[in-house]
Amino acid sequence: MCLGIPMKVVEVAGPGRALCANGDVWVEIDTLLVGDVAPGEWLMTFLGAAREKMDEVSALRSRDALSALEAIMNGGEVDIEAAFADLIDREPQLPEHLRSGAPT
């Protein structure tokens, strides 16, 4: 399984590269798929490469969910409704590009 990690751009490291932070972990990320980035922007990263730009609220929400998963895996107690608040009381939706082929 591959999990996306939200990371904040700290500095541009060259064409198609950015130094990004996830808490106190700093990693150089390939940004070729998302275009130009600037310090302060948030990226969803997979295996050292950015796949999309994201707003800060979404990035922090994703980070909270990942922290909750880590706590659960380590046997900790987690307030599931707080950690996954955006998923409570809503039906999942297919992405737009898949809706036209979905059975009704």
PDB file of N, CA and C in Angstrom:
ATOM      1  N   MET A   1       0.848  -1.175   0.000  1.00  0.00           N
ATOM      2  CA  MET A   1       0.000   0.000   0.000  1.00  0.00           C
ATOM      3  C   MET A   1       0.890   1.234   0.000  1.00  0.00           C
ATOM      4  N   CYS A   2       0.497   2.221  -0.738  1.00  0.00           N
ATOM      5  CA  CYS A   2       1.226   3.485  -0.814  1.00  0.00           C
ATOM      6  C   CYS A   2       0.337   4.577  -0.242  1.00  0.00           C
ATOM      7  N   LEU A   3       0.826   5.269   0.758  1.00  0.00           N
ATOM      8  CA  LEU A   3       0.073   6.361   1.361  1.00  0.00           C
ATOM      9  C   LEU A   3       0.645   7.694   0.919  1.00  0.00           C
ATOM     10  N   GLY A   4      -0.234   8.625   0.614  1.00  0.00           N
ATOM     11  CA  GLY A   4       0.197   9.974   0.292  1.00  0.00           C
ATOM     12  C   GLY A   4       0.513  10.730   1.571  1.00  0.00           C
ATOM     13  N   ILE A   5       1.586  11.498   1.534  1.00  0.00           N
ATOM     14  CA  ILE A   5       2.010  12.290   2.689  1.00  0.00           C
ATOM     15  C   ILE A   5       1.933  13.771   2.313  1.00  0.00           C
ATOM     16  N   PRO A   6       1.133  14.550   3.046  1.00  0.00           N
ATOM     17  CA  PRO A   6       1.100  15.985   2.775  1.00  0.00           C
ATOM     18  C   PRO A   6       2.390  16.634   3.282  1.00  0.00           C
ATOM     19  N   MET A   7       3.008  17.447   2.435  1.00  0.00           N
ATOM     20  CA  MET A   7       4.251  18.111   2.806  1.00  0.00           C
ATOM     21  C   MET A   7       4.194  19.571   2.385  1.00  0.00           C
ATOM     22  N   LYS A   8       4.827  20.412   3.189  1.00  0.00           N
ATOM     23  CA  LYS A   8       4.860  21.850   2.922  1.00  0.00           C
ATOM     24  C   LYS A   8       6.188  22.215   2.272  1.00  0.00           C
ATOM     25  N   VAL A   9       6.111  22.979   1.170  1.00  0.00           N
ATOM     26  CA  VAL A   9       7.318  23.414   0.473  1.00  0.00           C
ATOM     27  C   VAL A   9       8.055  24.422   1.353  1.00  0.00           C
ATOM     28  N   VAL A  10       9.336  24.136   1.597  1.00  0.00           N
ATOM     29  CA  VAL A  10      10.186  25.036   2.384  1.00  0.00           C
ATOM     30  C   VAL A  10      10.990  25.925   1.444  1.00  0.00           C
ATOM     31  N   GLU A  11      11.554  25.320   0.396  1.00  0.00           N
ATOM     32  CA  GLU A  11      12.287  26.104  -0.601  1.00  0.00           C
ATOM     33  C   GLU A  11      12.350  25.334  -1.913  1.00  0.00           C
ATOM     34  N   VAL A  12      12.474  26.089  -2.993  1.00  0.00           N
ATOM     35  CA  VAL A  12      12.654  25.477  -4.309  1.00  0.00           C
ATOM     36  C   VAL A  12      14.117  25.058  -4.390  1.00  0.00           C
ATOM     37  N   ALA A  13      14.353  23.783  -4.756  1.00  0.00           N
ATOM     38  CA  ALA A  13      15.708  23.230  -4.760  1.00  0.00           C
ATOM     39  C   ALA A  13      16.301  23.162  -6.157  1.00  0.00           C
ATOM     40  N   GLY A  14      15.581  23.658  -7.144  1.00  0.00           N
ATOM     41  CA  GLY A  14      16.033  23.615  -8.534  1.00  0.00           C
ATOM     42  C   GLY A  14      14.857  23.283  -9.425  1.00  0.00           C
ATOM     43  N   PRO A  15      15.081  23.226 -10.719  1.00  0.00           N
ATOM     44  CA  PRO A  15      13.978  22.899 -11.632  1.00  0.00           C
ATOM     45  C   PRO A  15      13.382  21.526 -11.310  1.00  0.00           C
ATOM     46  N   GLY A  16      12.089  21.500 -11.030  1.00  0.00           N
ATOM     47  CA  GLY A  16      11.404  20.242 -10.758  1.00  0.00           C
ATOM     48  C   GLY A  16      11.722  19.631  -9.412  1.00  0.00           C
ATOM     49  N   ARG A  17      12.288  20.397  -8.498  1.00  0.00           N
ATOM     50  CA  ARG A  17      12.660  19.878  -7.175  1.00  0.00           C
ATOM     51  C   ARG A  17      12.298  20.897  -6.104  1.00  0.00           C
ATOM     52  N   ALA A  18      11.881  20.410  -4.935  1.00  0.00           N
ATOM     53  CA  ALA A  18      11.598  21.295  -3.810  1.00  0.00           C
ATOM     54  C   ALA A  18      11.952  20.595  -2.510  1.00  0.00           C
ATOM     55  N   LEU A  19      12.481  21.354  -1.569  1.00  0.00           N
ATOM     56  CA  LEU A  19      12.721  20.851  -0.231  1.00  0.00           C
ATOM     57  C   LEU A  19      11.417  21.042   0.541  1.00  0.00           C
ATOM     58  N   CYS A  20      10.871  19.935   1.053  1.00  0.00           N
ATOM     59  CA  CYS A  20       9.563  19.967   1.703  1.00  0.00           C
ATOM     60  C   CYS A  20       9.656  19.405   3.116  1.00  0.00           C
ATOM     61  N   ALA A  21       8.736  19.833   3.975  1.00  0.00           N
ATOM     62  CA  ALA A  21       8.737  19.401   5.367  1.00  0.00           C
ATOM     63  C   ALA A  21       7.415  18.743   5.733  1.00  0.00           C
ATOM     64  N   ASN A  22       7.538  17.697   6.528  1.00  0.00           N
ATOM     65  CA  ASN A  22       6.402  17.060   7.197  1.00  0.00           C
ATOM     66  C   ASN A  22       6.803  17.023   8.667  1.00  0.00           C
ATOM     67  N   GLY A  23       6.385  18.047   9.405  1.00  0.00           N
ATOM     68  CA  GLY A  23       6.854  18.178  10.778  1.00  0.00           C
ATOM     69  C   GLY A  23       8.345  18.457  10.774  1.00  0.00           C
ATOM     70  N   ASP A  24       9.117  17.644  11.497  1.00  0.00           N
ATOM     71  CA  ASP A  24      10.560  17.860  11.546  1.00  0.00           C
ATOM     72  C   ASP A  24      11.322  17.019  10.519  1.00  0.00           C
ATOM     73  N   VAL A  25      10.605  16.333   9.642  1.00  0.00           N
ATOM     74  CA  VAL A  25      11.231  15.541   8.570  1.00  0.00           C
ATOM     75  C   VAL A  25      11.246  16.378   7.295  1.00  0.00           C
ATOM     76  N   TRP A  26      12.438  16.571   6.738  1.00  0.00           N
ATOM     77  CA  TRP A  26      12.601  17.328   5.502  1.00  0.00           C
ATOM     78  C   TRP A  26      13.055  16.387   4.403  1.00  0.00           C
ATOM     79  N   VAL A  27      12.458  16.525   3.220  1.00  0.00           N
ATOM     80  CA  VAL A  27      12.746  15.635   2.098  1.00  0.00           C
ATOM     81  C   VAL A  27      12.770  16.456   0.812  1.00  0.00           C
ATOM     82  N   GLU A  28      13.688  16.112  -0.091  1.00  0.00           N
ATOM     83  CA  GLU A  28      13.654  16.732  -1.413  1.00  0.00           C
ATOM     84  C   GLU A  28      12.641  15.967  -2.258  1.00  0.00           C
ATOM     85  N   ILE A  29      11.690  16.700  -2.837  1.00  0.00           N
ATOM     86  CA  ILE A  29      10.565  16.117  -3.575  1.00  0.00           C
ATOM     87  C   ILE A  29      10.644  16.505  -5.050  1.00  0.00           C
ATOM     88  N   ASP A  30      10.334  15.540  -5.909  1.00  0.00           N
ATOM     89  CA  ASP A  30      10.219  15.768  -7.345  1.00  0.00           C
ATOM     90  C   ASP A  30       8.881  16.456  -7.602  1.00  0.00           C
ATOM     91  N   THR A  31       8.913  17.634  -8.222  1.00  0.00           N
ATOM     92  CA  THR A  31       7.683  18.410  -8.459  1.00  0.00           C
ATOM     93  C   THR A  31       7.315  18.515  -9.939  1.00  0.00           C
ATOM     94  N   LEU A  32       7.920  17.702 -10.779  1.00  0.00           N
ATOM     95  CA  LEU A  32       7.668  17.808 -12.217  1.00  0.00           C
ATOM     96  C   LEU A  32       6.194  17.622 -12.582  1.00  0.00           C
ATOM     97  N   LEU A  33       5.466  16.775 -11.854  1.00  0.00           N
ATOM     98  CA  LEU A  33       4.053  16.527 -12.200  1.00  0.00           C
ATOM     99  C   LEU A  33       3.106  17.655 -11.787  1.00  0.00           C
ATOM    100  N   VAL A  34       3.542  18.534 -10.891  1.00  0.00           N
ATOM    101  CA  VAL A  34       2.652  19.601 -10.421  1.00  0.00           C
ATOM    102  C   VAL A  34       3.063  20.984 -10.912  1.00  0.00           C
ATOM    103  N   GLY A  35       4.172  21.078 -11.616  1.00  0.00           N
ATOM    104  CA  GLY A  35       4.609  22.382 -12.120  1.00  0.00           C
ATOM    105  C   GLY A  35       5.358  23.171 -11.064  1.00  0.00           C
ATOM    106  N   ASP A  36       5.465  24.465 -11.301  1.00  0.00           N
ATOM    107  CA  ASP A  36       6.210  25.332 -10.392  1.00  0.00           C
ATOM    108  C   ASP A  36       5.558  25.375  -9.016  1.00  0.00           C
ATOM    109  N   VAL A  37       6.384  25.401  -7.989  1.00  0.00           N
ATOM    110  CA  VAL A  37       5.904  25.504  -6.614  1.00  0.00           C
ATOM    111  C   VAL A  37       6.616  26.665  -5.931  1.00  0.00           C
ATOM    112  N   ALA A  38       6.047  27.095  -4.818  1.00  0.00           N
ATOM    113  CA  ALA A  38       6.627  28.197  -4.055  1.00  0.00           C
ATOM    114  C   ALA A  38       6.631  27.835  -2.574  1.00  0.00           C
ATOM    115  N   PRO A  39       7.580  28.385  -1.820  1.00  0.00           N
ATOM    116  CA  PRO A  39       7.589  28.135  -0.381  1.00  0.00           C
ATOM    117  C   PRO A  39       6.232  28.473   0.240  1.00  0.00           C
ATOM    118  N   GLY A  40       5.790  27.574   1.125  1.00  0.00           N
ATOM    119  CA  GLY A  40       4.500  27.754   1.790  1.00  0.00           C
ATOM    120  C   GLY A  40       3.382  26.943   1.166  1.00  0.00           C
ATOM    121  N   GLU A  41       3.556  26.490  -0.075  1.00  0.00           N
ATOM    122  CA  GLU A  41       2.530  25.657  -0.711  1.00  0.00           C
ATOM    123  C   GLU A  41       2.562  24.247  -0.130  1.00  0.00           C
ATOM    124  N   TRP A  42       1.418  23.583  -0.187  1.00  0.00           N
ATOM    125  CA  TRP A  42       1.295  22.200   0.284  1.00  0.00           C
ATOM    126  C   TRP A  42       1.182  21.264  -0.898  1.00  0.00           C
ATOM    127  N   LEU A  43       1.830  20.096  -0.783  1.00  0.00           N
ATOM    128  CA  LEU A  43       1.817  19.082  -1.830  1.00  0.00           C
ATOM    129  C   LEU A  43       1.427  17.739  -1.234  1.00  0.00           C
ATOM    130  N   MET A  44       0.666  16.957  -1.988  1.00  0.00           N
ATOM    131  CA  MET A  44       0.436  15.557  -1.625  1.00  0.00           C
ATOM    132  C   MET A  44       1.525  14.772  -2.332  1.00  0.00           C
ATOM    133  N   THR A  45       2.336  14.053  -1.546  1.00  0.00           N
ATOM    134  CA  THR A  45       3.489  13.355  -2.110  1.00  0.00           C
ATOM    135  C   THR A  45       3.347  11.850  -1.951  1.00  0.00           C
ATOM    136  N   PHE A  46       3.903  11.139  -2.909  1.00  0.00           N
ATOM    137  CA  PHE A  46       3.938   9.676  -2.902  1.00  0.00           C
ATOM    138  C   PHE A  46       5.342   9.251  -3.320  1.00  0.00           C
ATOM    139  N   LEU A  47       6.029   8.533  -2.454  1.00  0.00           N
ATOM    140  CA  LEU A  47       7.336   7.965  -2.785  1.00  0.00           C
ATOM    141  C   LEU A  47       8.295   9.001  -3.367  1.00  0.00           C
ATOM    142  N   GLY A  48       8.350  10.174  -2.746  1.00  0.00           N
ATOM    143  CA  GLY A  48       9.305  11.198  -3.148  1.00  0.00           C
ATOM    144  C   GLY A  48       8.902  12.081  -4.300  1.00  0.00           C
ATOM    145  N   ALA A  49       7.651  11.968  -4.752  1.00  0.00           N
ATOM    146  CA  ALA A  49       7.183  12.800  -5.864  1.00  0.00           C
ATOM    147  C   ALA A  49       5.841  13.435  -5.516  1.00  0.00           C
ATOM    148  N   ALA A  50       5.683  14.698  -5.874  1.00  0.00           N
ATOM    149  CA  ALA A  50       4.415  15.403  -5.661  1.00  0.00           C
ATOM    150  C   ALA A  50       3.422  14.977  -6.732  1.00  0.00           C
ATOM    151  N   ARG A  51       2.194  14.714  -6.320  1.00  0.00           N
ATOM    152  CA  ARG A  51       1.146  14.320  -7.272  1.00  0.00           C
ATOM    153  C   ARG A  51       0.088  15.407  -7.436  1.00  0.00           C
ATOM    154  N   GLU A  52      -0.045  16.272  -6.417  1.00  0.00           N
ATOM    155  CA  GLU A  52      -1.001  17.377  -6.537  1.00  0.00           C
ATOM    156  C   GLU A  52      -0.677  18.457  -5.522  1.00  0.00           C
ATOM    157  N   LYS A  53      -1.079  19.689  -5.868  1.00  0.00           N
ATOM    158  CA  LYS A  53      -1.025  20.789  -4.913  1.00  0.00           C
ATOM    159  C   LYS A  53      -2.309  20.720  -4.103  1.00  0.00           C
ATOM    160  N   MET A  54      -2.239  21.137  -2.857  1.00  0.00           N
ATOM    161  CA  MET A  54      -3.434  21.104  -2.011  1.00  0.00           C
ATOM    162  C   MET A  54      -3.457  22.323  -1.108  1.00  0.00           C
ATOM    163  N   ASP A  55      -4.664  22.673  -0.636  1.00  0.00           N
ATOM    164  CA  ASP A  55      -4.776  23.798   0.277  1.00  0.00           C
ATOM    165  C   ASP A  55      -4.379  23.344   1.683  1.00  0.00           C
ATOM    166  N   GLU A  56      -4.081  24.318   2.537  1.00  0.00           N
ATOM    167  CA  GLU A  56      -3.591  24.006   3.880  1.00  0.00           C
ATOM    168  C   GLU A  56      -4.603  23.225   4.710  1.00  0.00           C
ATOM    169  N   VAL A  57      -5.884  23.552   4.602  1.00  0.00           N
ATOM    170  CA  VAL A  57      -6.911  22.848   5.379  1.00  0.00           C
ATOM    171  C   VAL A  57      -6.923  21.368   5.012  1.00  0.00           C
ATOM    172  N   SER A  58      -6.909  21.062   3.717  1.00  0.00           N
ATOM    173  CA  SER A  58      -6.897  19.666   3.274  1.00  0.00           C
ATOM    174  C   SER A  58      -5.617  18.956   3.700  1.00  0.00           C
ATOM    175  N   ALA A  59      -4.487  19.659   3.622  1.00  0.00           N
ATOM    176  CA  ALA A  59      -3.210  19.063   4.017  1.00  0.00           C
ATOM    177  C   ALA A  59      -3.206  18.714   5.503  1.00  0.00           C
ATOM    178  N   LEU A  60      -3.673  19.623   6.330  1.00  0.00           N
ATOM    179  CA  LEU A  60      -3.686  19.363   7.774  1.00  0.00           C
ATOM    180  C   LEU A  60      -4.694  18.278   8.131  1.00  0.00           C
ATOM    181  N   ARG A  61      -5.812  18.241   7.425  1.00  0.00           N
ATOM    182  CA  ARG A  61      -6.805  17.182   7.634  1.00  0.00           C
ATOM    183  C   ARG A  61      -6.197  15.816   7.299  1.00  0.00           C
ATOM    184  N   SER A  62      -5.483  15.749   6.189  1.00  0.00           N
ATOM    185  CA  SER A  62      -4.822  14.498   5.802  1.00  0.00           C
ATOM    186  C   SER A  62      -3.750  14.109   6.817  1.00  0.00           C
ATOM    187  N   ARG A  63      -2.993  15.093   7.287  1.00  0.00           N
ATOM    188  CA  ARG A  63      -1.955  14.794   8.276  1.00  0.00           C
ATOM    189  C   ARG A  63      -2.570  14.280   9.576  1.00  0.00           C
ATOM    190  N   ASP A  64      -3.687  14.878   9.998  1.00  0.00           N
ATOM    191  CA  ASP A  64      -4.375  14.407  11.210  1.00  0.00           C
ATOM    192  C   ASP A  64      -4.844  12.963  11.052  1.00  0.00           C
ATOM    193  N   ALA A  65      -5.385  12.635   9.873  1.00  0.00           N
ATOM    194  CA  ALA A  65      -5.855  11.273   9.626  1.00  0.00           C
ATOM    195  C   ALA A  65      -4.689  10.280   9.659  1.00  0.00           C
ATOM    196  N   LEU A  66      -3.560  10.650   9.065  1.00  0.00           N
ATOM    197  CA  LEU A  66      -2.389   9.777   9.094  1.00  0.00           C
ATOM    198  C   LEU A  66      -1.862   9.596  10.512  1.00  0.00           C
ATOM    199  N   SER A  67      -1.885  10.662  11.300  1.00  0.00           N
ATOM    200  CA  SER A  67      -1.454  10.573  12.703  1.00  0.00           C
ATOM    201  C   SER A  67      -2.372   9.640  13.487  1.00  0.00           C
ATOM    202  N   ALA A  68      -3.666   9.704  13.201  1.00  0.00           N
ATOM    203  CA  ALA A  68      -4.625   8.823  13.873  1.00  0.00           C
ATOM    204  C   ALA A  68      -4.373   7.371  13.491  1.00  0.00           C
ATOM    205  N   LEU A  69      -4.131   7.111  12.218  1.00  0.00           N
ATOM    206  CA  LEU A  69      -3.825   5.743  11.780  1.00  0.00           C
ATOM    207  C   LEU A  69      -2.567   5.213  12.463  1.00  0.00           C
ATOM    208  N   GLU A  70      -1.555   6.057  12.565  1.00  0.00           N
ATOM    209  CA  GLU A  70      -0.316   5.644  13.230  1.00  0.00           C
ATOM    210  C   GLU A  70      -0.576   5.313  14.699  1.00  0.00           C
ATOM    211  N   ALA A  71      -1.374   6.150  15.366  1.00  0.00           N
ATOM    212  CA  ALA A  71      -1.693   5.899  16.773  1.00  0.00           C
ATOM    213  C   ALA A  71      -2.450   4.585  16.937  1.00  0.00           C
ATOM    214  N   ILE A  72      -3.409   4.324  16.059  1.00  0.00           N
ATOM    215  CA  ILE A  72      -4.177   3.077  16.122  1.00  0.00           C
ATOM    216  C   ILE A  72      -3.246   1.883  15.912  1.00  0.00           C
ATOM    217  N   MET A  73      -2.344   1.981  14.948  1.00  0.00           N
ATOM    218  CA  MET A  73      -1.417   0.877  14.675  1.00  0.00           C
ATOM    219  C   MET A  73      -0.482   0.619  15.858  1.00  0.00           C
ATOM    220  N   ASN A  74      -0.227   1.658  16.647  1.00  0.00           N
ATOM    221  CA  ASN A  74       0.643   1.515  17.816  1.00  0.00           C
ATOM    222  C   ASN A  74      -0.138   1.213  19.089  1.00  0.00           C
ATOM    223  N   GLY A  75      -1.433   0.913  18.946  1.00  0.00           N
ATOM    224  CA  GLY A  75      -2.257   0.553  20.098  1.00  0.00           C
ATOM    225  C   GLY A  75      -2.798   1.717  20.897  1.00  0.00           C
ATOM    226  N   GLY A  76      -2.689   2.919  20.349  1.00  0.00           N
ATOM    227  CA  GLY A  76      -3.168   4.107  21.064  1.00  0.00           C
ATOM    228  C   GLY A  76      -4.662   4.321  20.899  1.00  0.00           C
ATOM    229  N   GLU A  77      -5.179   5.183  21.723  1.00  0.00           N
ATOM    230  CA  GLU A  77      -6.592   5.564  21.651  1.00  0.00           C
ATOM    231  C   GLU A  77      -6.726   6.773  20.737  1.00  0.00           C
ATOM    232  N   VAL A  78      -7.767   6.766  19.916  1.00  0.00           N
ATOM    233  CA  VAL A  78      -7.970   7.834  18.945  1.00  0.00           C
ATOM    234  C   VAL A  78      -9.439   8.233  18.919  1.00  0.00           C
ATOM    235  N   ASP A  79      -9.684   9.532  18.865  1.00  0.00           N
ATOM    236  CA  ASP A  79     -11.041  10.036  18.668  1.00  0.00           C
ATOM    237  C   ASP A  79     -11.313   9.978  17.161  1.00  0.00           C
ATOM    238  N   ILE A  80     -11.922   8.880  16.724  1.00  0.00           N
ATOM    239  CA  ILE A  80     -12.155   8.639  15.293  1.00  0.00           C
ATOM    240  C   ILE A  80     -12.963   9.764  14.652  1.00  0.00           C
ATOM    241  N   GLU A  81     -13.987  10.237  15.328  1.00  0.00           N
ATOM    242  CA  GLU A  81     -14.824  11.292  14.741  1.00  0.00           C
ATOM    243  C   GLU A  81     -14.043  12.584  14.546  1.00  0.00           C
ATOM    244  N   ALA A  82     -13.110  12.880  15.428  1.00  0.00           N
ATOM    245  CA  ALA A  82     -12.298  14.088  15.265  1.00  0.00           C
ATOM    246  C   ALA A  82     -11.252  13.884  14.167  1.00  0.00           C
ATOM    247  N   ALA A  83     -10.636  12.703  14.135  1.00  0.00           N
ATOM    248  CA  ALA A  83      -9.570  12.443  13.169  1.00  0.00           C
ATOM    249  C   ALA A  83     -10.087  12.337  11.739  1.00  0.00           C
ATOM    250  N   PHE A  84     -11.319  11.889  11.582  1.00  0.00           N
ATOM    251  CA  PHE A  84     -11.893  11.694  10.249  1.00  0.00           C
ATOM    252  C   PHE A  84     -13.206  12.467  10.112  1.00  0.00           C
ATOM    253  N   ALA A  85     -13.231  13.680  10.632  1.00  0.00           N
ATOM    254  CA  ALA A  85     -14.454  14.487  10.669  1.00  0.00           C
ATOM    255  C   ALA A  85     -15.058  14.709   9.283  1.00  0.00           C
ATOM    256  N   ASP A  86     -14.216  14.809   8.265  1.00  0.00           N
ATOM    257  CA  ASP A  86     -14.728  15.065   6.916  1.00  0.00           C
ATOM    258  C   ASP A  86     -15.417  13.840   6.315  1.00  0.00           C
ATOM    259  N   LEU A  87     -15.289  12.670   6.944  1.00  0.00           N
ATOM    260  CA  LEU A  87     -15.912  11.452   6.427  1.00  0.00           C
ATOM    261  C   LEU A  87     -17.178  11.053   7.170  1.00  0.00           C
ATOM    262  N   ILE A  88     -17.402  11.655   8.328  1.00  0.00           N
ATOM    263  CA  ILE A  88     -18.558  11.317   9.151  1.00  0.00           C
ATOM    264  C   ILE A  88     -19.827  11.869   8.497  1.00  0.00           C
ATOM    265  N   ASP A  89     -20.859  11.038   8.459  1.00  0.00           N
ATOM    266  CA  ASP A  89     -22.189  11.444   7.973  1.00  0.00           C
ATOM    267  C   ASP A  89     -22.217  11.911   6.515  1.00  0.00           C
ATOM    268  N   ARG A  90     -21.442  11.265   5.656  1.00  0.00           N
ATOM    269  CA  ARG A  90     -21.540  11.576   4.230  1.00  0.00           C
ATOM    270  C   ARG A  90     -21.319  10.302   3.431  1.00  0.00           C
ATOM    271  N   GLU A  91     -21.942  10.255   2.285  1.00  0.00           N
ATOM    272  CA  GLU A  91     -21.801   9.121   1.380  1.00  0.00           C
ATOM    273  C   GLU A  91     -20.586   9.343   0.500  1.00  0.00           C
ATOM    274  N   PRO A  92     -19.806   8.305   0.248  1.00  0.00           N
ATOM    275  CA  PRO A  92     -18.670   8.455  -0.671  1.00  0.00           C
ATOM    276  C   PRO A  92     -19.156   8.809  -2.072  1.00  0.00           C
ATOM    277  N   GLN A  93     -18.377   9.610  -2.784  1.00  0.00           N
ATOM    278  CA  GLN A  93     -18.716  10.019  -4.139  1.00  0.00           C
ATOM    279  C   GLN A  93     -17.622   9.562  -5.094  1.00  0.00           C
ATOM    280  N   LEU A  94     -18.033   9.024  -6.241  1.00  0.00           N
ATOM    281  CA  LEU A  94     -17.067   8.687  -7.270  1.00  0.00           C
ATOM    282  C   LEU A  94     -16.499   9.971  -7.869  1.00  0.00           C
ATOM    283  N   PRO A  95     -15.234   9.945  -8.294  1.00  0.00           N
ATOM    284  CA  PRO A  95     -14.704  11.105  -9.015  1.00  0.00           C
ATOM    285  C   PRO A  95     -15.502  11.323 -10.303  1.00  0.00           C
ATOM    286  N   GLU A  96     -15.555  12.549 -10.739  1.00  0.00           N
ATOM    287  CA  GLU A  96     -16.359  12.922 -11.916  1.00  0.00           C
ATOM    288  C   GLU A  96     -16.050  12.052 -13.122  1.00  0.00           C
ATOM    289  N   HIS A  97     -14.780  11.765 -13.362  1.00  0.00           N
ATOM    290  CA  HIS A  97     -14.418  10.995 -14.561  1.00  0.00           C
ATOM    291  C   HIS A  97     -14.887   9.535 -14.501  1.00  0.00           C
ATOM    292  N   LEU A  98     -15.311   9.053 -13.344  1.00  0.00           N
ATOM    293  CA  LEU A  98     -15.826   7.688 -13.234  1.00  0.00           C
ATOM    294  C   LEU A  98     -17.354   7.622 -13.173  1.00  0.00           C
ATOM    295  N   ARG A  99     -17.998   8.744 -12.970  1.00  0.00           N
ATOM    296  CA  ARG A  99     -19.452   8.753 -12.793  1.00  0.00           C
ATOM    297  C   ARG A  99     -20.218   8.346 -14.036  1.00  0.00           C
ATOM    298  N   SER A 100     -19.741   8.709 -15.206  1.00  0.00           N
ATOM    299  CA  SER A 100     -20.506   8.392 -16.417  1.00  0.00           C
ATOM    300  C   SER A 100     -20.573   6.892 -16.692  1.00  0.00           C
ATOM    301  N   GLY A 101     -19.603   6.105 -16.235  1.00  0.00           N
ATOM    302  CA  GLY A 101     -19.604   4.669 -16.455  1.00  0.00           C
ATOM    303  C   GLY A 101     -20.153   3.873 -15.293  1.00  0.00           C
ATOM    304  N   ALA A 102     -20.582   4.546 -14.226  1.00  0.00           N
ATOM    305  CA  ALA A 102     -21.061   3.842 -13.027  1.00  0.00           C
ATOM    306  C   ALA A 102     -22.483   3.340 -13.228  1.00  0.00           C
ATOM    307  N   PRO A 103     -22.780   2.138 -12.721  1.00  0.00           N
ATOM    308  CA  PRO A 103     -24.159   1.631 -12.802  1.00  0.00           C
ATOM    309  C   PRO A 103     -25.078   2.485 -11.937  1.00  0.00           C
ATOM    310  N   THR A 104     -26.318   2.623 -12.361  1.00  0.00           N
ATOM    311  CA  THR A 104     -27.285   3.431 -11.591  1.00  0.00           C
ATOM    312  C   THR A 104     -28.289   2.552 -10.893  1.00  0.00           C
TER     313      THR A 104
END
